[in-house]
Amino acid sequence: METQTRRVALAVMAHPDDAEILCGGTLIRLRDLGWDVHICTCTPGDCGSTTENRWQISSRRTTEGATAAARIGATYHCLDERDCFVCYDKTTLAKMYDLFRRVAPTLLFTHAPRDYMCDHEQASYLARAAAFGHGTPNVSHFPLLPGTCIPHLYYCDTIDGRDPLGAPIQPTTRIDVTDVLERKLEMLACHVSQREWLQAYHGIDEYLDSVRRHTSQRGTECNVPCAEVFVQHRGHAYPKTDLLDQLLGGL
């Protein structure tokens, strides 16, 4: 594979709205720099409702995901796996390899390898596998695009900043998203089905408020109003330089 020449960022997440919550501000900043941005979810969010059947809510949530991505000029993809059944298996890996061959990312975001929900963890392993293996000529029938390489890989923050056993996440990279916070929240607000459910349940706009609180908390840790944090994967064959820091001025 070649050295990195493309400016393509891909966020691989389990469900619609995960990217907006965990790395939406960073994706906006990359898009503003002229990067091609893609958001992929493993599932269409088919269990994300207590009132609609799986087909109705899947249609709503994938439309919401595409709408949110379009707000920043990004492209939305869905692997069409099932909520609570995301699995590191041959069929799902093949879908992920094909996606990577079509997109050829040079910068990759995904869930933390250890997270509160197994769908998130499985999505993380699928993304990591595809990052390493998609350049192997025989792994997919899609052609290798010029500039295909192992991308810089960053694991996003968890929803509460802790791993499943309660230990705090230790970020390697912190990105100031203060100036794009409202645009991040506008993307998140496109997920109307989830926002309405939480408004009804909590009686307040908890969907947006919880994200605002967490980005503010992360910002306080690095002396800015709002921040998103990441852990870079620096294993064998992966790029070791902190590309996010170079591009966006890490804190």
Foldseek 3Di string as FASTA:
>chain_A
DDAADAQEEEEEEAEQLPCLLWPVLVQLLSVVVVGAYEYEHAALCQVVDPPDHSVVSSVLSQVLSQVLQVLSPYGYYYNHDDPPPQADDDVSLLSLLVVCQVRLHQEYEAADCFAQGVSRNSSVVSNQCSLPPSPPCPSHPRGHDPRRFRHWYKHTAYLQQAGNVRHGDDFPWKFDSPVCLVSSLVSSVSSVSNQVVVCVVVVDSCSSVSSLVVQQVSCVVVVHRGIITIHTDDDPRHDDDPVSCVSGPTD
